[in-house]
N, C-alpha and C. Protein backbone atom coordinates (compact mmCIF):
# COMPACT_ATOMS: atom_id res chain seq x y z
N MET A 1 117.63 114.59 219.39
CA MET A 1 118.02 115.43 218.28
C MET A 1 119.33 114.94 217.67
N GLU A 2 120.17 114.29 218.47
CA GLU A 2 121.48 113.87 217.95
C GLU A 2 121.35 112.76 216.90
N LEU A 3 120.21 112.07 216.86
CA LEU A 3 120.01 111.07 215.82
C LEU A 3 119.83 111.73 214.45
N TYR A 4 119.32 112.94 214.42
CA TYR A 4 119.08 113.63 213.16
C TYR A 4 120.27 114.46 212.70
N THR A 5 121.31 114.54 213.48
CA THR A 5 122.48 115.35 213.12
C THR A 5 123.12 114.89 211.81
N PRO A 6 123.34 113.60 211.58
CA PRO A 6 123.92 113.20 210.29
C PRO A 6 123.01 113.54 209.09
N VAL A 7 121.71 113.39 209.27
CA VAL A 7 120.78 113.72 208.19
C VAL A 7 120.81 115.21 207.91
N LEU A 8 120.81 116.01 208.96
CA LEU A 8 120.89 117.46 208.79
C LEU A 8 122.21 117.88 208.15
N ALA A 9 123.29 117.25 208.55
CA ALA A 9 124.60 117.55 207.95
C ALA A 9 124.62 117.19 206.47
N LEU A 10 124.04 116.06 206.11
CA LEU A 10 123.98 115.66 204.71
C LEU A 10 123.11 116.62 203.90
N LEU A 11 122.00 117.07 204.47
CA LEU A 11 121.13 118.03 203.81
C LEU A 11 121.86 119.35 203.57
N ILE A 12 122.59 119.81 204.55
CA ILE A 12 123.36 121.05 204.40
C ILE A 12 124.44 120.88 203.36
N LEU A 13 125.14 119.75 203.39
CA LEU A 13 126.20 119.50 202.41
C LEU A 13 125.64 119.43 200.99
N ALA A 14 124.51 118.75 200.81
CA ALA A 14 123.89 118.65 199.48
C ALA A 14 123.43 120.03 199.00
N SER A 15 122.86 120.83 199.89
CA SER A 15 122.42 122.18 199.52
C SER A 15 123.60 123.05 199.12
N LEU A 16 124.66 122.98 199.89
CA LEU A 16 125.86 123.77 199.55
C LEU A 16 126.45 123.33 198.22
N PHE A 17 126.46 122.03 197.95
CA PHE A 17 126.98 121.54 196.67
C PHE A 17 126.12 122.04 195.50
N ALA A 18 124.79 121.98 195.66
CA ALA A 18 123.89 122.42 194.59
C ALA A 18 124.04 123.91 194.34
N ILE A 19 124.04 124.70 195.39
CA ILE A 19 124.18 126.15 195.24
C ILE A 19 125.56 126.50 194.70
N GLY A 20 126.58 125.82 195.19
CA GLY A 20 127.94 126.08 194.70
C GLY A 20 128.12 125.71 193.25
N SER A 21 127.51 124.62 192.80
CA SER A 21 127.60 124.21 191.40
C SER A 21 126.96 125.24 190.48
N VAL A 22 125.79 125.73 190.86
CA VAL A 22 125.11 126.73 190.04
C VAL A 22 125.92 128.03 190.02
N ALA A 23 126.43 128.44 191.18
CA ALA A 23 127.22 129.68 191.24
C ALA A 23 128.51 129.56 190.44
N MET A 24 129.19 128.41 190.53
CA MET A 24 130.44 128.23 189.78
C MET A 24 130.18 128.21 188.28
N SER A 25 129.13 127.56 187.84
CA SER A 25 128.87 127.52 186.40
C SER A 25 128.50 128.90 185.88
N ALA A 26 127.78 129.68 186.68
CA ALA A 26 127.44 131.04 186.25
C ALA A 26 128.67 131.94 186.24
N GLY A 27 129.56 131.72 187.18
CA GLY A 27 130.75 132.58 187.27
C GLY A 27 131.86 132.20 186.31
N VAL A 28 132.07 130.92 186.07
CA VAL A 28 133.20 130.45 185.28
C VAL A 28 132.82 130.21 183.82
N GLY A 29 131.58 129.91 183.54
CA GLY A 29 131.15 129.53 182.20
C GLY A 29 131.29 130.65 181.19
N PRO A 30 131.38 130.30 179.89
CA PRO A 30 131.50 131.32 178.85
C PRO A 30 130.21 132.11 178.71
N LYS A 31 130.35 133.35 178.30
CA LYS A 31 129.20 134.23 178.18
C LYS A 31 129.11 134.80 176.77
N ARG A 32 129.35 133.97 175.76
CA ARG A 32 129.26 134.41 174.37
C ARG A 32 127.92 133.93 173.80
N TYR A 33 126.91 134.75 173.93
CA TYR A 33 125.58 134.37 173.47
C TYR A 33 125.39 134.84 172.03
N ASN A 34 124.74 134.02 171.23
CA ASN A 34 124.35 134.42 169.89
C ASN A 34 122.97 133.84 169.60
N ARG A 35 122.44 134.15 168.45
CA ARG A 35 121.07 133.72 168.13
C ARG A 35 120.94 132.20 168.10
N ALA A 36 121.95 131.50 167.58
CA ALA A 36 121.88 130.05 167.48
C ALA A 36 121.85 129.39 168.86
N LYS A 37 122.57 129.94 169.82
CA LYS A 37 122.58 129.35 171.17
C LYS A 37 121.28 129.63 171.91
N LEU A 38 120.65 130.75 171.63
CA LEU A 38 119.42 131.10 172.33
C LEU A 38 118.19 130.48 171.69
N ASP A 39 118.34 129.92 170.48
CA ASP A 39 117.22 129.30 169.79
C ASP A 39 117.00 127.88 170.31
N SER A 40 115.74 127.41 170.24
CA SER A 40 115.46 126.05 170.70
C SER A 40 116.04 125.04 169.72
N TYR A 41 116.37 123.86 170.23
CA TYR A 41 117.02 122.83 169.42
C TYR A 41 116.09 121.65 169.28
N GLU A 42 115.83 121.23 168.04
CA GLU A 42 114.95 120.09 167.79
C GLU A 42 115.68 119.06 166.93
N CYS A 43 116.67 118.41 167.48
CA CYS A 43 117.37 117.30 166.82
C CYS A 43 117.94 117.68 165.45
N GLY A 44 118.47 118.87 165.33
CA GLY A 44 119.10 119.28 164.09
C GLY A 44 118.13 119.81 163.05
N ILE A 45 116.85 119.79 163.34
CA ILE A 45 115.84 120.30 162.42
C ILE A 45 115.53 121.74 162.80
N GLU A 46 115.26 122.57 161.81
CA GLU A 46 114.88 123.95 162.10
C GLU A 46 113.62 123.95 162.95
N PRO A 47 113.59 124.69 164.05
CA PRO A 47 112.42 124.69 164.91
C PRO A 47 111.19 125.24 164.19
N THR A 48 110.06 124.63 164.45
CA THR A 48 108.81 125.11 163.86
C THR A 48 108.25 126.20 164.74
N PRO A 49 107.60 127.19 164.15
CA PRO A 49 107.05 128.26 164.99
C PRO A 49 105.92 127.73 165.87
N GLN A 50 105.92 128.18 167.10
CA GLN A 50 104.90 127.76 168.06
C GLN A 50 103.94 128.91 168.32
N PRO A 51 102.67 128.61 168.54
CA PRO A 51 101.73 129.68 168.88
C PRO A 51 102.03 130.22 170.27
N VAL A 52 101.52 131.41 170.54
CA VAL A 52 101.72 132.02 171.84
C VAL A 52 101.07 131.13 172.89
N GLY A 53 101.79 130.82 173.93
CA GLY A 53 101.30 129.93 174.98
C GLY A 53 101.84 128.52 174.84
N GLY A 54 102.59 128.22 173.79
CA GLY A 54 103.27 126.94 173.67
C GLY A 54 102.53 125.86 172.93
N GLY A 55 101.33 126.10 172.47
CA GLY A 55 100.62 125.06 171.73
C GLY A 55 99.81 124.17 172.65
N ARG A 56 99.07 123.23 172.05
CA ARG A 56 98.20 122.36 172.83
C ARG A 56 98.70 120.93 172.77
N PHE A 57 98.60 120.24 173.88
CA PHE A 57 98.91 118.82 173.94
C PHE A 57 97.60 118.05 173.82
N PRO A 58 97.65 116.87 173.21
CA PRO A 58 96.43 116.07 173.14
C PRO A 58 96.02 115.58 174.53
N VAL A 59 94.73 115.39 174.72
CA VAL A 59 94.19 114.94 176.01
C VAL A 59 94.76 113.57 176.37
N ARG A 60 95.03 112.73 175.38
CA ARG A 60 95.55 111.38 175.63
C ARG A 60 96.87 111.44 176.39
N TYR A 61 97.66 112.48 176.17
CA TYR A 61 98.91 112.65 176.89
C TYR A 61 98.65 112.78 178.39
N TYR A 62 97.68 113.60 178.76
CA TYR A 62 97.38 113.80 180.17
C TYR A 62 96.76 112.55 180.80
N ILE A 63 95.93 111.85 180.04
CA ILE A 63 95.32 110.62 180.56
C ILE A 63 96.40 109.58 180.84
N THR A 64 97.35 109.45 179.92
CA THR A 64 98.44 108.49 180.13
C THR A 64 99.26 108.88 181.35
N ALA A 65 99.52 110.17 181.53
CA ALA A 65 100.28 110.63 182.69
C ALA A 65 99.53 110.33 183.99
N MET A 66 98.23 110.56 184.01
CA MET A 66 97.44 110.28 185.21
C MET A 66 97.39 108.79 185.52
N LEU A 67 97.27 107.97 184.47
CA LEU A 67 97.28 106.51 184.69
C LEU A 67 98.60 106.06 185.29
N PHE A 68 99.70 106.61 184.77
CA PHE A 68 100.99 106.26 185.32
C PHE A 68 101.07 106.63 186.79
N ILE A 69 100.58 107.80 187.15
CA ILE A 69 100.64 108.24 188.55
C ILE A 69 99.79 107.33 189.42
N VAL A 70 98.60 106.97 188.96
CA VAL A 70 97.71 106.11 189.75
C VAL A 70 98.37 104.76 190.02
N PHE A 71 98.92 104.12 188.98
CA PHE A 71 99.51 102.80 189.18
C PHE A 71 100.84 102.89 189.91
N ASP A 72 101.52 103.99 189.79
CA ASP A 72 102.76 104.18 190.55
C ASP A 72 102.44 104.32 192.04
N ILE A 73 101.40 105.05 192.36
CA ILE A 73 100.99 105.20 193.76
C ILE A 73 100.51 103.86 194.31
N GLU A 74 99.87 103.06 193.47
CA GLU A 74 99.43 101.73 193.91
C GLU A 74 100.63 100.89 194.36
N ILE A 75 101.69 100.93 193.58
CA ILE A 75 102.88 100.16 193.93
C ILE A 75 103.51 100.70 195.22
N VAL A 76 103.49 102.01 195.39
CA VAL A 76 104.05 102.59 196.61
C VAL A 76 103.29 102.11 197.84
N PHE A 77 101.98 101.96 197.73
CA PHE A 77 101.19 101.48 198.87
C PHE A 77 101.29 99.97 199.06
N LEU A 78 101.52 99.23 197.99
CA LEU A 78 101.60 97.77 198.11
C LEU A 78 102.96 97.31 198.64
N TYR A 79 104.00 98.07 198.41
CA TYR A 79 105.34 97.63 198.79
C TYR A 79 105.48 97.39 200.31
N PRO A 80 105.02 98.30 201.18
CA PRO A 80 105.14 98.02 202.62
C PRO A 80 104.35 96.78 203.06
N ILE A 81 103.20 96.54 202.43
CA ILE A 81 102.43 95.35 202.78
C ILE A 81 103.20 94.10 202.38
N ALA A 82 103.83 94.13 201.23
CA ALA A 82 104.60 92.97 200.78
C ALA A 82 105.80 92.72 201.69
N VAL A 83 106.41 93.77 202.20
CA VAL A 83 107.58 93.61 203.07
C VAL A 83 107.19 93.00 204.41
N ALA A 84 106.08 93.44 204.96
CA ALA A 84 105.66 92.97 206.29
C ALA A 84 104.52 91.97 206.21
N PHE A 85 104.40 91.24 205.12
CA PHE A 85 103.27 90.32 204.93
C PHE A 85 103.27 89.21 205.97
N ASP A 86 104.43 88.65 206.29
CA ASP A 86 104.49 87.55 207.26
C ASP A 86 104.02 87.99 208.64
N ALA A 87 104.34 89.20 209.03
CA ALA A 87 103.97 89.67 210.36
C ALA A 87 102.47 89.96 210.47
N MET A 88 101.84 90.34 209.35
CA MET A 88 100.42 90.73 209.41
C MET A 88 99.47 89.59 209.09
N GLY A 89 99.92 88.58 208.39
CA GLY A 89 99.11 87.39 208.13
C GLY A 89 97.89 87.63 207.26
N THR A 90 96.76 87.08 207.69
CA THR A 90 95.53 87.14 206.91
C THR A 90 95.01 88.57 206.77
N PHE A 91 95.21 89.37 207.77
CA PHE A 91 94.78 90.77 207.70
C PHE A 91 95.41 91.48 206.51
N ALA A 92 96.70 91.23 206.27
CA ALA A 92 97.39 91.86 205.14
C ALA A 92 96.82 91.37 203.81
N LEU A 93 96.48 90.10 203.73
CA LEU A 93 95.91 89.56 202.50
C LEU A 93 94.57 90.21 202.19
N VAL A 94 93.71 90.33 203.20
CA VAL A 94 92.39 90.95 203.00
C VAL A 94 92.55 92.42 202.61
N GLU A 95 93.42 93.13 203.31
CA GLU A 95 93.63 94.55 202.99
C GLU A 95 94.20 94.72 201.59
N MET A 96 95.11 93.85 201.19
CA MET A 96 95.70 93.95 199.85
C MET A 96 94.63 93.70 198.79
N ILE A 97 93.78 92.72 199.01
CA ILE A 97 92.71 92.43 198.05
C ILE A 97 91.74 93.60 197.97
N LEU A 98 91.37 94.17 199.14
CA LEU A 98 90.46 95.32 199.14
C LEU A 98 91.08 96.54 198.45
N PHE A 99 92.38 96.63 198.45
CA PHE A 99 93.05 97.75 197.79
C PHE A 99 93.21 97.49 196.29
N ILE A 100 93.51 96.26 195.92
CA ILE A 100 93.79 95.95 194.51
C ILE A 100 92.51 95.89 193.68
N VAL A 101 91.41 95.41 194.23
CA VAL A 101 90.18 95.22 193.45
C VAL A 101 89.69 96.53 192.82
N PRO A 102 89.55 97.65 193.55
CA PRO A 102 89.09 98.88 192.89
C PRO A 102 90.07 99.38 191.82
N VAL A 103 91.34 99.23 192.06
CA VAL A 103 92.33 99.66 191.08
C VAL A 103 92.25 98.77 189.84
N PHE A 104 92.04 97.47 190.04
CA PHE A 104 91.92 96.56 188.91
C PHE A 104 90.65 96.85 188.11
N VAL A 105 89.56 97.19 188.78
CA VAL A 105 88.32 97.55 188.09
C VAL A 105 88.55 98.82 187.26
N ALA A 106 89.24 99.80 187.82
CA ALA A 106 89.55 101.02 187.08
C ALA A 106 90.45 100.72 185.89
N TYR A 107 91.39 99.81 186.06
CA TYR A 107 92.28 99.42 184.96
C TYR A 107 91.48 98.76 183.83
N CYS A 108 90.57 97.87 184.17
CA CYS A 108 89.74 97.22 183.15
C CYS A 108 88.86 98.25 182.44
N TYR A 109 88.32 99.22 183.18
CA TYR A 109 87.50 100.26 182.58
C TYR A 109 88.30 101.08 181.57
N VAL A 110 89.50 101.48 181.96
CA VAL A 110 90.35 102.27 181.07
C VAL A 110 90.75 101.45 179.86
N TRP A 111 91.03 100.18 180.06
CA TRP A 111 91.42 99.31 178.96
C TRP A 111 90.28 99.18 177.94
N ARG A 112 89.06 98.93 178.45
CA ARG A 112 87.91 98.77 177.55
C ARG A 112 87.56 100.06 176.83
N ARG A 113 87.79 101.19 177.46
CA ARG A 113 87.49 102.49 176.84
C ARG A 113 88.57 102.91 175.84
N GLY A 114 89.69 102.17 175.77
CA GLY A 114 90.75 102.49 174.82
C GLY A 114 91.76 103.48 175.35
N GLY A 115 91.81 103.68 176.65
CA GLY A 115 92.74 104.64 177.22
C GLY A 115 94.19 104.20 177.16
N LEU A 116 94.43 102.90 176.93
CA LEU A 116 95.79 102.41 176.86
C LEU A 116 96.30 102.28 175.43
N ASP A 117 95.43 102.56 174.44
CA ASP A 117 95.85 102.51 173.04
C ASP A 117 96.53 103.82 172.68
N TRP A 118 97.74 103.72 172.18
CA TRP A 118 98.48 104.92 171.81
C TRP A 118 98.49 105.02 170.29
N ASP A 119 97.75 106.00 169.77
CA ASP A 119 97.64 106.17 168.32
C ASP A 119 98.69 107.11 167.79
């Protein structure tokens, strides 16, 4: 357990700093609210009215987000193999190829379907 003591101490210190920062800003900060401060800000332009529920995002936005997550997770899984490649030898090469091929096929599919075109 003594190996985890520094990690636990750092976690407690970070939590205390976060909670203390929020409490200090709420306690010390100015409390002069007006309509302009409570209104949303859109780069100096008058905000446009939004429908109830916040409006709709195009499906392409979600597809792009999912693609980013998929390829980001791919890199997370490939990084440990790249670090320990010398120790694992041919086994690592075969496993890396078996992992990359389905992701590459999915990438080609998305590319051909136009999922990477941003209109």
